[in-house]
Amino acid sequence: MAVAKTVGEDKYKAAKMALYAKIHDEKTKFATGDELIRFGLSQAGISQEEFNRLKGTPEVKQLLAKWDQGIAIAKIQGIPALVVNGKYLINTKSIRSMPMLDEMILELSKK
């Protein structure tokens, strides 16, 4: 995903949406990490050669480090993870309705 993001936002979005649909909507389980990568690359229109060339670049490494830091700070453990103002992680299992979620986000955004 980081390679796709550095190549272009359109490539990143194509891979992200295709992976989301495959994993969450179709309930597909990839047998290996390589299978997942190949699928994402095909959806983004990025060749294996381009991926291999870019995956070790400083730009990709920096983006991965930034994402890792964000996950650690937010303590994200699953999807969806909703973080308000960069400091409040909403436990989505406790949400019973969209109005309840709206109220919670509004309340937390004022803190």
PDB file of N, CA and C in Angstrom:
ATOM      1  N   MET A   1       0.819  -1.184   0.000  1.00  0.00           N
ATOM      2  CA  MET A   1       0.000   0.000   0.000  1.00  0.00           C
ATOM      3  C   MET A   1       0.866   1.252   0.000  1.00  0.00           C
ATOM      4  N   ALA A   2       1.985   1.214   0.712  1.00  0.00           N
ATOM      5  CA  ALA A   2       2.857   2.389   0.769  1.00  0.00           C
ATOM      6  C   ALA A   2       3.459   2.683  -0.595  1.00  0.00           C
ATOM      7  N   VAL A   3       3.805   1.639  -1.337  1.00  0.00           N
ATOM      8  CA  VAL A   3       4.335   1.855  -2.689  1.00  0.00           C
ATOM      9  C   VAL A   3       3.258   2.506  -3.547  1.00  0.00           C
ATOM     10  N   ALA A   4       2.041   1.988  -3.493  1.00  0.00           N
ATOM     11  CA  ALA A   4       0.947   2.563  -4.282  1.00  0.00           C
ATOM     12  C   ALA A   4       0.707   4.019  -3.902  1.00  0.00           C
ATOM     13  N   LYS A   5       0.761   4.324  -2.615  1.00  0.00           N
ATOM     14  CA  LYS A   5       0.536   5.700  -2.144  1.00  0.00           C
ATOM     15  C   LYS A   5       1.605   6.639  -2.691  1.00  0.00           C
ATOM     16  N   THR A   6       2.859   6.171  -2.745  1.00  0.00           N
ATOM     17  CA  THR A   6       3.927   7.038  -3.245  1.00  0.00           C
ATOM     18  C   THR A   6       3.879   7.182  -4.758  1.00  0.00           C
ATOM     19  N   VAL A   7       3.310   6.198  -5.451  1.00  0.00           N
ATOM     20  CA  VAL A   7       3.181   6.295  -6.911  1.00  0.00           C
ATOM     21  C   VAL A   7       2.078   7.285  -7.274  1.00  0.00           C
ATOM     22  N   GLY A   8       0.980   7.251  -6.523  1.00  0.00           N
ATOM     23  CA  GLY A   8      -0.116   8.180  -6.802  1.00  0.00           C
ATOM     24  C   GLY A   8      -1.345   7.855  -5.985  1.00  0.00           C
ATOM     25  N   GLU A   9      -2.067   8.875  -5.610  1.00  0.00           N
ATOM     26  CA  GLU A   9      -3.264   8.703  -4.784  1.00  0.00           C
ATOM     27  C   GLU A   9      -4.291   7.814  -5.476  1.00  0.00           C
ATOM     28  N   ASP A  10      -4.407   7.919  -6.798  1.00  0.00           N
ATOM     29  CA  ASP A  10      -5.361   7.090  -7.533  1.00  0.00           C
ATOM     30  C   ASP A  10      -4.999   5.613  -7.444  1.00  0.00           C
ATOM     31  N   LYS A  11      -3.718   5.295  -7.509  1.00  0.00           N
ATOM     32  CA  LYS A  11      -3.255   3.898  -7.398  1.00  0.00           C
ATOM     33  C   LYS A  11      -3.550   3.369  -5.992  1.00  0.00           C
ATOM     34  N   TYR A  12      -3.266   4.191  -4.997  1.00  0.00           N
ATOM     35  CA  TYR A  12      -3.502   3.824  -3.599  1.00  0.00           C
ATOM     36  C   TYR A  12      -4.985   3.546  -3.355  1.00  0.00           C
ATOM     37  N   LYS A  13      -5.842   4.443  -3.818  1.00  0.00           N
ATOM     38  CA  LYS A  13      -7.280   4.277  -3.610  1.00  0.00           C
ATOM     39  C   LYS A  13      -7.806   3.034  -4.316  1.00  0.00           C
ATOM     40  N   ALA A  14      -7.311   2.769  -5.525  1.00  0.00           N
ATOM     41  CA  ALA A  14      -7.750   1.585  -6.266  1.00  0.00           C
ATOM     42  C   ALA A  14      -7.396   0.313  -5.500  1.00  0.00           C
ATOM     43  N   ALA A  15      -6.168   0.232  -5.016  1.00  0.00           N
ATOM     44  CA  ALA A  15      -5.735  -0.948  -4.258  1.00  0.00           C
ATOM     45  C   ALA A  15      -6.492  -1.059  -2.941  1.00  0.00           C
ATOM     46  N   LYS A  16      -6.629   0.052  -2.242  1.00  0.00           N
ATOM     47  CA  LYS A  16      -7.300   0.057  -0.933  1.00  0.00           C
ATOM     48  C   LYS A  16      -8.748  -0.404  -1.053  1.00  0.00           C
ATOM     49  N   MET A  17      -9.472   0.139  -2.009  1.00  0.00           N
ATOM     50  CA  MET A  17     -10.880  -0.212  -2.159  1.00  0.00           C
ATOM     51  C   MET A  17     -11.045  -1.661  -2.605  1.00  0.00           C
ATOM     52  N   ALA A  18     -10.177  -2.118  -3.505  1.00  0.00           N
ATOM     53  CA  ALA A  18     -10.251  -3.505  -3.972  1.00  0.00           C
ATOM     54  C   ALA A  18      -9.932  -4.476  -2.838  1.00  0.00           C
ATOM     55  N   LEU A  19      -8.922  -4.159  -2.047  1.00  0.00           N
ATOM     56  CA  LEU A  19      -8.571  -5.022  -0.913  1.00  0.00           C
ATOM     57  C   LEU A  19      -9.684  -5.030   0.129  1.00  0.00           C
ATOM     58  N   TYR A  20     -10.262  -3.877   0.401  1.00  0.00           N
ATOM     59  CA  TYR A  20     -11.363  -3.815   1.365  1.00  0.00           C
ATOM     60  C   TYR A  20     -12.521  -4.698   0.895  1.00  0.00           C
ATOM     61  N   ALA A  21     -12.901  -4.548  -0.370  1.00  0.00           N
ATOM     62  CA  ALA A  21     -14.014  -5.332  -0.908  1.00  0.00           C
ATOM     63  C   ALA A  21     -13.710  -6.827  -0.850  1.00  0.00           C
ATOM     64  N   LYS A  22     -12.507  -7.185  -1.236  1.00  0.00           N
ATOM     65  CA  LYS A  22     -12.121  -8.599  -1.265  1.00  0.00           C
ATOM     66  C   LYS A  22     -12.134  -9.203   0.144  1.00  0.00           C
ATOM     67  N   ILE A  23     -11.575  -8.493   1.109  1.00  0.00           N
ATOM     68  CA  ILE A  23     -11.444  -9.027   2.467  1.00  0.00           C
ATOM     69  C   ILE A  23     -12.740  -8.910   3.264  1.00  0.00           C
ATOM     70  N   HIS A  24     -13.380  -7.746   3.231  1.00  0.00           N
ATOM     71  CA  HIS A  24     -14.531  -7.506   4.100  1.00  0.00           C
ATOM     72  C   HIS A  24     -15.870  -7.833   3.453  1.00  0.00           C
ATOM     73  N   ASP A  25     -16.019  -7.534   2.173  1.00  0.00           N
ATOM     74  CA  ASP A  25     -17.297  -7.803   1.514  1.00  0.00           C
ATOM     75  C   ASP A  25     -17.387  -9.247   1.028  1.00  0.00           C
ATOM     76  N   GLU A  26     -16.320  -9.710   0.364  1.00  0.00           N
ATOM     77  CA  GLU A  26     -16.323 -11.066  -0.193  1.00  0.00           C
ATOM     78  C   GLU A  26     -15.813 -12.111   0.796  1.00  0.00           C
ATOM     79  N   LYS A  27     -15.275 -11.662   1.926  1.00  0.00           N
ATOM     80  CA  LYS A  27     -14.756 -12.550   2.983  1.00  0.00           C
ATOM     81  C   LYS A  27     -13.637 -13.469   2.481  1.00  0.00           C
ATOM     82  N   THR A  28     -12.846 -12.966   1.547  1.00  0.00           N
ATOM     83  CA  THR A  28     -11.721 -13.726   1.009  1.00  0.00           C
ATOM     84  C   THR A  28     -10.562 -13.695   1.988  1.00  0.00           C
ATOM     85  N   LYS A  29      -9.915 -14.826   2.157  1.00  0.00           N
ATOM     86  CA  LYS A  29      -8.702 -14.908   2.974  1.00  0.00           C
ATOM     87  C   LYS A  29      -7.558 -15.245   2.036  1.00  0.00           C
ATOM     88  N   PHE A  30      -6.578 -14.376   1.996  1.00  0.00           N
ATOM     89  CA  PHE A  30      -5.411 -14.623   1.167  1.00  0.00           C
ATOM     90  C   PHE A  30      -4.556 -15.693   1.837  1.00  0.00           C
ATOM     91  N   ALA A  31      -4.062 -16.634   1.033  1.00  0.00           N
ATOM     92  CA  ALA A  31      -3.275 -17.750   1.569  1.00  0.00           C
ATOM     93  C   ALA A  31      -1.914 -17.291   2.073  1.00  0.00           C
ATOM     94  N   THR A  32      -1.346 -16.284   1.406  1.00  0.00           N
ATOM     95  CA  THR A  32      -0.015 -15.797   1.783  1.00  0.00           C
ATOM     96  C   THR A  32       0.042 -14.284   1.646  1.00  0.00           C
ATOM     97  N   GLY A  33       1.041 -13.696   2.255  1.00  0.00           N
ATOM     98  CA  GLY A  33       1.268 -12.264   2.092  1.00  0.00           C
ATOM     99  C   GLY A  33       1.583 -11.916   0.651  1.00  0.00           C
ATOM    100  N   ASP A  34       2.318 -12.798  -0.027  1.00  0.00           N
ATOM    101  CA  ASP A  34       2.643 -12.560  -1.436  1.00  0.00           C
ATOM    102  C   ASP A  34       1.391 -12.525  -2.301  1.00  0.00           C
ATOM    103  N   GLU A  35       0.426 -13.387  -1.999  1.00  0.00           N
ATOM    104  CA  GLU A  35      -0.826 -13.398  -2.754  1.00  0.00           C
ATOM    105  C   GLU A  35      -1.568 -12.072  -2.566  1.00  0.00           C
ATOM    106  N   LEU A  36      -1.596 -11.580  -1.347  1.00  0.00           N
ATOM    107  CA  LEU A  36      -2.236 -10.303  -1.051  1.00  0.00           C
ATOM    108  C   LEU A  36      -1.533  -9.171  -1.802  1.00  0.00           C
ATOM    109  N   ILE A  37      -0.213  -9.172  -1.777  1.00  0.00           N
ATOM    110  CA  ILE A  37       0.556  -8.134  -2.478  1.00  0.00           C
ATOM    111  C   ILE A  37       0.290  -8.185  -3.973  1.00  0.00           C
ATOM    112  N   ARG A  38       0.308  -9.378  -4.563  1.00  0.00           N
ATOM    113  CA  ARG A  38       0.050  -9.504  -6.008  1.00  0.00           C
ATOM    114  C   ARG A  38      -1.331  -8.960  -6.366  1.00  0.00           C
ATOM    115  N   PHE A  39      -2.334  -9.274  -5.541  1.00  0.00           N
ATOM    116  CA  PHE A  39      -3.682  -8.773  -5.798  1.00  0.00           C
ATOM    117  C   PHE A  39      -3.707  -7.249  -5.727  1.00  0.00           C
ATOM    118  N   GLY A  40      -3.135  -6.686  -4.672  1.00  0.00           N
ATOM    119  CA  GLY A  40      -3.111  -5.230  -4.523  1.00  0.00           C
ATOM    120  C   GLY A  40      -2.395  -4.541  -5.667  1.00  0.00           C
ATOM    121  N   LEU A  41      -1.259  -5.103  -6.074  1.00  0.00           N
ATOM    122  CA  LEU A  41      -0.508  -4.520  -7.192  1.00  0.00           C
ATOM    123  C   LEU A  41      -1.319  -4.562  -8.476  1.00  0.00           C
ATOM    124  N   SER A  42      -1.994  -5.690  -8.725  1.00  0.00           N
ATOM    125  CA  SER A  42      -2.782  -5.797  -9.958  1.00  0.00           C
ATOM    126  C   SER A  42      -3.908  -4.775  -9.975  1.00  0.00           C
ATOM    127  N   GLN A  43      -4.531  -4.538  -8.820  1.00  0.00           N
ATOM    128  CA  GLN A  43      -5.626  -3.572  -8.748  1.00  0.00           C
ATOM    129  C   GLN A  43      -5.135  -2.135  -8.889  1.00  0.00           C
ATOM    130  N   ALA A  44      -3.903  -1.899  -8.464  1.00  0.00           N
ATOM    131  CA  ALA A  44      -3.321  -0.556  -8.565  1.00  0.00           C
ATOM    132  C   ALA A  44      -2.659  -0.319  -9.914  1.00  0.00           C
ATOM    133  N   GLY A  45      -2.486  -1.383 -10.691  1.00  0.00           N
ATOM    134  CA  GLY A  45      -1.805  -1.240 -11.978  1.00  0.00           C
ATOM    135  C   GLY A  45      -0.309  -1.019 -11.819  1.00  0.00           C
ATOM    136  N   ILE A  46       0.273  -1.637 -10.799  1.00  0.00           N
ATOM    137  CA  ILE A  46       1.709  -1.521 -10.540  1.00  0.00           C
ATOM    138  C   ILE A  46       2.343  -2.882 -10.790  1.00  0.00           C
ATOM    139  N   SER A  47       3.407  -2.897 -11.557  1.00  0.00           N
ATOM    140  CA  SER A  47       4.078  -4.164 -11.864  1.00  0.00           C
ATOM    141  C   SER A  47       4.908  -4.636 -10.676  1.00  0.00           C
ATOM    142  N   GLN A  48       5.200  -5.925 -10.663  1.00  0.00           N
ATOM    143  CA  GLN A  48       6.055  -6.493  -9.615  1.00  0.00           C
ATOM    144  C   GLN A  48       7.434  -5.852  -9.665  1.00  0.00           C
ATOM    145  N   GLU A  49       7.913  -5.561 -10.871  1.00  0.00           N
ATOM    146  CA  GLU A  49       9.225  -4.936 -11.032  1.00  0.00           C
ATOM    147  C   GLU A  49       9.245  -3.534 -10.419  1.00  0.00           C
ATOM    148  N   GLU A  50       8.186  -2.769 -10.680  1.00  0.00           N
ATOM    149  CA  GLU A  50       8.107  -1.421 -10.114  1.00  0.00           C
ATOM    150  C   GLU A  50       8.018  -1.491  -8.585  1.00  0.00           C
ATOM    151  N   PHE A  51       7.236  -2.432  -8.083  1.00  0.00           N
ATOM    152  CA  PHE A  51       7.118  -2.621  -6.638  1.00  0.00           C
ATOM    153  C   PHE A  51       8.482  -2.944  -6.023  1.00  0.00           C
ATOM    154  N   ASN A  52       9.198  -3.892  -6.628  1.00  0.00           N
ATOM    155  CA  ASN A  52      10.514  -4.287  -6.114  1.00  0.00           C
ATOM    156  C   ASN A  52      11.491  -3.114  -6.122  1.00  0.00           C
ATOM    157  N   ARG A  53      11.385  -2.276  -7.146  1.00  0.00           N
ATOM    158  CA  ARG A  53      12.278  -1.128  -7.270  1.00  0.00           C
ATOM    159  C   ARG A  53      11.970  -0.056  -6.219  1.00  0.00           C
ATOM    160  N   LEU A  54      10.691   0.121  -5.893  1.00  0.00           N
ATOM    161  CA  LEU A  54      10.279   1.215  -5.011  1.00  0.00           C
ATOM    162  C   LEU A  54      10.164   0.850  -3.535  1.00  0.00           C
ATOM    163  N   LYS A  55      10.010  -0.423  -3.217  1.00  0.00           N
ATOM    164  CA  LYS A  55       9.694  -0.797  -1.833  1.00  0.00           C
ATOM    165  C   LYS A  55      10.769  -0.433  -0.815  1.00  0.00           C
ATOM    166  N   GLY A  56      12.004  -0.275  -1.251  1.00  0.00           N
ATOM    167  CA  GLY A  56      13.068   0.074  -0.320  1.00  0.00           C
ATOM    168  C   GLY A  56      13.484   1.528  -0.357  1.00  0.00           C
ATOM    169  N   THR A  57      12.741   2.353  -1.081  1.00  0.00           N
ATOM    170  CA  THR A  57      13.114   3.763  -1.201  1.00  0.00           C
ATOM    171  C   THR A  57      12.861   4.502   0.108  1.00  0.00           C
ATOM    172  N   PRO A  58      13.597   5.578   0.339  1.00  0.00           N
ATOM    173  CA  PRO A  58      13.388   6.366   1.563  1.00  0.00           C
ATOM    174  C   PRO A  58      11.950   6.867   1.707  1.00  0.00           C
ATOM    175  N   GLU A  59      11.331   7.231   0.601  1.00  0.00           N
ATOM    176  CA  GLU A  59       9.957   7.743   0.652  1.00  0.00           C
ATOM    177  C   GLU A  59       8.988   6.679   1.180  1.00  0.00           C
ATOM    178  N   VAL A  60       9.131   5.447   0.690  1.00  0.00           N
ATOM    179  CA  VAL A  60       8.259   4.358   1.138  1.00  0.00           C
ATOM    180  C   VAL A  60       8.556   4.006   2.594  1.00  0.00           C
ATOM    181  N   LYS A  61       9.829   3.923   2.943  1.00  0.00           N
ATOM    182  CA  LYS A  61      10.198   3.605   4.326  1.00  0.00           C
ATOM    183  C   LYS A  61       9.681   4.660   5.301  1.00  0.00           C
ATOM    184  N   GLN A  62       9.756   5.922   4.909  1.00  0.00           N
ATOM    185  CA  GLN A  62       9.272   7.010   5.756  1.00  0.00           C
ATOM    186  C   GLN A  62       7.754   6.915   5.945  1.00  0.00           C
ATOM    187  N   LEU A  63       7.039   6.612   4.870  1.00  0.00           N
ATOM    188  CA  LEU A  63       5.585   6.483   4.957  1.00  0.00           C
ATOM    189  C   LEU A  63       5.199   5.309   5.856  1.00  0.00           C
ATOM    190  N   LEU A  64       5.876   4.182   5.718  1.00  0.00           N
ATOM    191  CA  LEU A  64       5.595   3.027   6.571  1.00  0.00           C
ATOM    192  C   LEU A  64       5.849   3.348   8.043  1.00  0.00           C
ATOM    193  N   ALA A  65       6.927   4.056   8.317  1.00  0.00           N
ATOM    194  CA  ALA A  65       7.236   4.443   9.697  1.00  0.00           C
ATOM    195  C   ALA A  65       6.150   5.364  10.250  1.00  0.00           C
ATOM    196  N   LYS A  66       5.677   6.276   9.419  1.00  0.00           N
ATOM    197  CA  LYS A  66       4.610   7.202   9.837  1.00  0.00           C
ATOM    198  C   LYS A  66       3.327   6.426  10.141  1.00  0.00           C
ATOM    199  N   TRP A  67       2.983   5.472   9.281  1.00  0.00           N
ATOM    200  CA  TRP A  67       1.783   4.662   9.506  1.00  0.00           C
ATOM    201  C   TRP A  67       1.925   3.830  10.773  1.00  0.00           C
ATOM    202  N   ASP A  68       3.087   3.220  10.973  1.00  0.00           N
ATOM    203  CA  ASP A  68       3.316   2.425  12.186  1.00  0.00           C
ATOM    204  C   ASP A  68       3.152   3.283  13.438  1.00  0.00           C
ATOM    205  N   GLN A  69       3.674   4.491  13.387  1.00  0.00           N
ATOM    206  CA  GLN A  69       3.575   5.403  14.525  1.00  0.00           C
ATOM    207  C   GLN A  69       2.110   5.759  14.794  1.00  0.00           C
ATOM    208  N   GLY A  70       1.357   6.022  13.741  1.00  0.00           N
ATOM    209  CA  GLY A  70      -0.060   6.360  13.897  1.00  0.00           C
ATOM    210  C   GLY A  70      -0.860   5.219  14.498  1.00  0.00           C
ATOM    211  N   ILE A  71      -0.567   4.003  14.076  1.00  0.00           N
ATOM    212  CA  ILE A  71      -1.261   2.828  14.614  1.00  0.00           C
ATOM    213  C   ILE A  71      -0.928   2.659  16.092  1.00  0.00           C
ATOM    214  N   ALA A  72       0.340   2.825  16.428  1.00  0.00           N
ATOM    215  CA  ALA A  72       0.759   2.676  17.827  1.00  0.00           C
ATOM    216  C   ALA A  72       0.124   3.741  18.713  1.00  0.00           C
ATOM    217  N   ILE A  73       0.086   4.966  18.235  1.00  0.00           N
ATOM    218  CA  ILE A  73      -0.487   6.066  19.021  1.00  0.00           C
ATOM    219  C   ILE A  73      -1.983   5.864  19.228  1.00  0.00           C
ATOM    220  N   ALA A  74      -2.677   5.478  18.159  1.00  0.00           N
ATOM    221  CA  ALA A  74      -4.129   5.326  18.239  1.00  0.00           C
ATOM    222  C   ALA A  74      -4.550   3.990  18.848  1.00  0.00           C
ATOM    223  N   LYS A  75      -3.602   3.068  18.979  1.00  0.00           N
ATOM    224  CA  LYS A  75      -3.889   1.731  19.506  1.00  0.00           C
ATOM    225  C   LYS A  75      -4.988   1.050  18.691  1.00  0.00           C
ATOM    226  N   ILE A  76      -4.916   1.211  17.374  1.00  0.00           N
ATOM    227  CA  ILE A  76      -5.905   0.634  16.473  1.00  0.00           C
ATOM    228  C   ILE A  76      -5.720  -0.877  16.433  1.00  0.00           C
ATOM    229  N   GLN A  77      -6.834  -1.596  16.586  1.00  0.00           N
ATOM    230  CA  GLN A  77      -6.787  -3.050  16.594  1.00  0.00           C
ATOM    231  C   GLN A  77      -7.687  -3.670  15.538  1.00  0.00           C
ATOM    232  N   GLY A  78      -8.458  -2.891  14.825  1.00  0.00           N
ATOM    233  CA  GLY A  78      -9.348  -3.455  13.825  1.00  0.00           C
ATOM    234  C   GLY A  78     -10.010  -2.373  13.005  1.00  0.00           C
ATOM    235  N   ILE A  79     -10.917  -2.802  12.125  1.00  0.00           N
ATOM    236  CA  ILE A  79     -11.631  -1.890  11.250  1.00  0.00           C
ATOM    237  C   ILE A  79     -13.101  -1.986  11.614  1.00  0.00           C
ATOM    238  N   PRO A  80     -13.853  -0.920  11.725  1.00  0.00           N
ATOM    239  CA  PRO A  80     -13.377   0.452  11.603  1.00  0.00           C
ATOM    240  C   PRO A  80     -12.790   0.950  12.917  1.00  0.00           C
ATOM    241  N   ALA A  81     -11.827   1.807  12.806  1.00  0.00           N
ATOM    242  CA  ALA A  81     -11.241   2.473  13.966  1.00  0.00           C
ATOM    243  C   ALA A  81     -11.487   3.963  13.779  1.00  0.00           C
ATOM    244  N   LEU A  82     -12.223   4.549  14.681  1.00  0.00           N
ATOM    245  CA  LEU A  82     -12.554   5.969  14.587  1.00  0.00           C
ATOM    246  C   LEU A  82     -11.814   6.724  15.679  1.00  0.00           C
ATOM    247  N   VAL A  83     -10.975   7.659  15.263  1.00  0.00           N
ATOM    248  CA  VAL A  83     -10.200   8.463  16.197  1.00  0.00           C
ATOM    249  C   VAL A  83     -10.652   9.912  16.050  1.00  0.00           C
ATOM    250  N   VAL A  84     -11.018  10.549  17.158  1.00  0.00           N
ATOM    251  CA  VAL A  84     -11.493  11.927  17.157  1.00  0.00           C
ATOM    252  C   VAL A  84     -10.394  12.826  17.710  1.00  0.00           C
ATOM    253  N   ASN A  85     -10.081  13.873  16.955  1.00  0.00           N
ATOM    254  CA  ASN A  85      -9.060  14.859  17.352  1.00  0.00           C
ATOM    255  C   ASN A  85      -7.707  14.233  17.661  1.00  0.00           C
ATOM    256  N   GLY A  86      -7.435  13.089  17.082  1.00  0.00           N
ATOM    257  CA  GLY A  86      -6.143  12.448  17.269  1.00  0.00           C
ATOM    258  C   GLY A  86      -5.894  11.906  18.661  1.00  0.00           C
ATOM    259  N   LYS A  87      -6.938  11.885  19.519  1.00  0.00           N
ATOM    260  CA  LYS A  87      -6.690  11.405  20.881  1.00  0.00           C
ATOM    261  C   LYS A  87      -7.779  10.523  21.467  1.00  0.00           C
ATOM    262  N   TYR A  88      -8.921  10.411  20.844  1.00  0.00           N
ATOM    263  CA  TYR A  88      -9.991   9.580  21.379  1.00  0.00           C
ATOM    264  C   TYR A  88     -10.328   8.470  20.385  1.00  0.00           C
ATOM    265  N   LEU A  89     -10.103   7.222  20.794  1.00  0.00           N
ATOM    266  CA  LEU A  89     -10.443   6.063  19.976  1.00  0.00           C
ATOM    267  C   LEU A  89     -11.815   5.572  20.415  1.00  0.00           C
ATOM    268  N   ILE A  90     -12.757   5.554  19.487  1.00  0.00           N
ATOM    269  CA  ILE A  90     -14.118   5.133  19.804  1.00  0.00           C
ATOM    270  C   ILE A  90     -14.203   3.616  19.709  1.00  0.00           C
ATOM    271  N   ASN A  91     -14.723   3.006  20.763  1.00  0.00           N
ATOM    272  CA  ASN A  91     -14.966   1.569  20.760  1.00  0.00           C
ATOM    273  C   ASN A  91     -16.258   1.339  19.979  1.00  0.00           C
ATOM    274  N   THR A  92     -16.137   0.943  18.719  1.00  0.00           N
ATOM    275  CA  THR A  92     -17.312   0.830  17.848  1.00  0.00           C
ATOM    276  C   THR A  92     -18.253  -0.293  18.275  1.00  0.00           C
ATOM    277  N   LYS A  93     -17.778  -1.219  19.088  1.00  0.00           N
ATOM    278  CA  LYS A  93     -18.658  -2.292  19.564  1.00  0.00           C
ATOM    279  C   LYS A  93     -19.732  -1.752  20.502  1.00  0.00           C
ATOM    280  N   SER A  94     -19.474  -0.589  21.089  1.00  0.00           N
ATOM    281  CA  SER A  94     -20.442  -0.009  22.024  1.00  0.00           C
ATOM    282  C   SER A  94     -21.488   0.856  21.328  1.00  0.00           C
ATOM    283  N   ILE A  95     -21.313   1.132  20.051  1.00  0.00           N
ATOM    284  CA  ILE A  95     -22.239   1.996  19.308  1.00  0.00           C
ATOM    285  C   ILE A  95     -23.479   1.202  18.915  1.00  0.00           C
ATOM    286  N   ARG A  96     -24.642   1.722  19.255  1.00  0.00           N
ATOM    287  CA  ARG A  96     -25.903   1.033  18.968  1.00  0.00           C
ATOM    288  C   ARG A  96     -26.680   1.655  17.806  1.00  0.00           C
ATOM    289  N   SER A  97     -26.316   2.891  17.427  1.00  0.00           N
ATOM    290  CA  SER A  97     -27.029   3.552  16.334  1.00  0.00           C
ATOM    291  C   SER A  97     -26.155   4.663  15.757  1.00  0.00           C
ATOM    292  N   MET A  98     -26.487   5.091  14.560  1.00  0.00           N
ATOM    293  CA  MET A  98     -25.747   6.192  13.939  1.00  0.00           C
ATOM    294  C   MET A  98     -25.925   7.490  14.729  1.00  0.00           C
ATOM    295  N   PRO A  99     -27.140   7.808  15.219  1.00  0.00           N
ATOM    296  CA  PRO A  99     -27.267   9.021  16.039  1.00  0.00           C
ATOM    297  C   PRO A  99     -26.378   8.965  17.291  1.00  0.00           C
ATOM    298  N   MET A 100     -26.249   7.784  17.889  1.00  0.00           N
ATOM    299  CA  MET A 100     -25.377   7.639  19.058  1.00  0.00           C
ATOM    300  C   MET A 100     -23.928   7.935  18.677  1.00  0.00           C
ATOM    301  N   LEU A 101     -23.503   7.434  17.520  1.00  0.00           N
ATOM    302  CA  LEU A 101     -22.145   7.696  17.039  1.00  0.00           C
ATOM    303  C   LEU A 101     -21.960   9.183  16.761  1.00  0.00           C
ATOM    304  N   ASP A 102     -22.947   9.801  16.111  1.00  0.00           N
ATOM    305  CA  ASP A 102     -22.877  11.242  15.830  1.00  0.00           C
ATOM    306  C   ASP A 102     -22.718  12.048  17.117  1.00  0.00           C
ATOM    307  N   GLU A 103     -23.510  11.708  18.127  1.00  0.00           N
ATOM    308  CA  GLU A 103     -23.441  12.412  19.416  1.00  0.00           C
ATOM    309  C   GLU A 103     -22.070  12.250  20.065  1.00  0.00           C
ATOM    310  N   MET A 104     -21.561  11.029  20.026  1.00  0.00           N
ATOM    311  CA  MET A 104     -20.271  10.756  20.654  1.00  0.00           C
ATOM    312  C   MET A 104     -19.152  11.534  19.966  1.00  0.00           C
ATOM    313  N   ILE A 105     -19.164  11.552  18.642  1.00  0.00           N
ATOM    314  CA  ILE A 105     -18.138  12.289  17.893  1.00  0.00           C
ATOM    315  C   ILE A 105     -18.230  13.776  18.200  1.00  0.00           C
ATOM    316  N   LEU A 106     -19.439  14.313  18.213  1.00  0.00           N
ATOM    317  CA  LEU A 106     -19.634  15.735  18.516  1.00  0.00           C
ATOM    318  C   LEU A 106     -19.126  16.069  19.916  1.00  0.00           C
ATOM    319  N   GLU A 107     -19.474  15.236  20.885  1.00  0.00           N
ATOM    320  CA  GLU A 107     -19.053  15.465  22.269  1.00  0.00           C
ATOM    321  C   GLU A 107     -17.526  15.405  22.398  1.00  0.00           C
ATOM    322  N   LEU A 108     -16.916  14.395  21.796  1.00  0.00           N
ATOM    323  CA  LEU A 108     -15.459  14.252  21.889  1.00  0.00           C
ATOM    324  C   LEU A 108     -14.721  15.359  21.144  1.00  0.00           C
ATOM    325  N   SER A 109     -15.314  15.838  20.061  1.00  0.00           N
ATOM    326  CA  SER A 109     -14.650  16.890  19.281  1.00  0.00           C
ATOM    327  C   SER A 109     -14.597  18.218  20.034  1.00  0.00           C
ATOM    328  N   LYS A 110     -15.436  18.378  21.046  1.00  0.00           N
ATOM    329  CA  LYS A 110     -15.453  19.604  21.847  1.00  0.00           C
ATOM    330  C   LYS A 110     -14.441  19.575  22.982  1.00  0.00           C
ATOM    331  N   LYS A 111     -13.866  18.415  23.260  1.00  0.00           N
ATOM    332  CA  LYS A 111     -12.909  18.290  24.381  1.00  0.00           C
ATOM    333  C   LYS A 111     -11.530  18.743  23.983  1.00  0.00           C
TER     334      LYS A 111
END
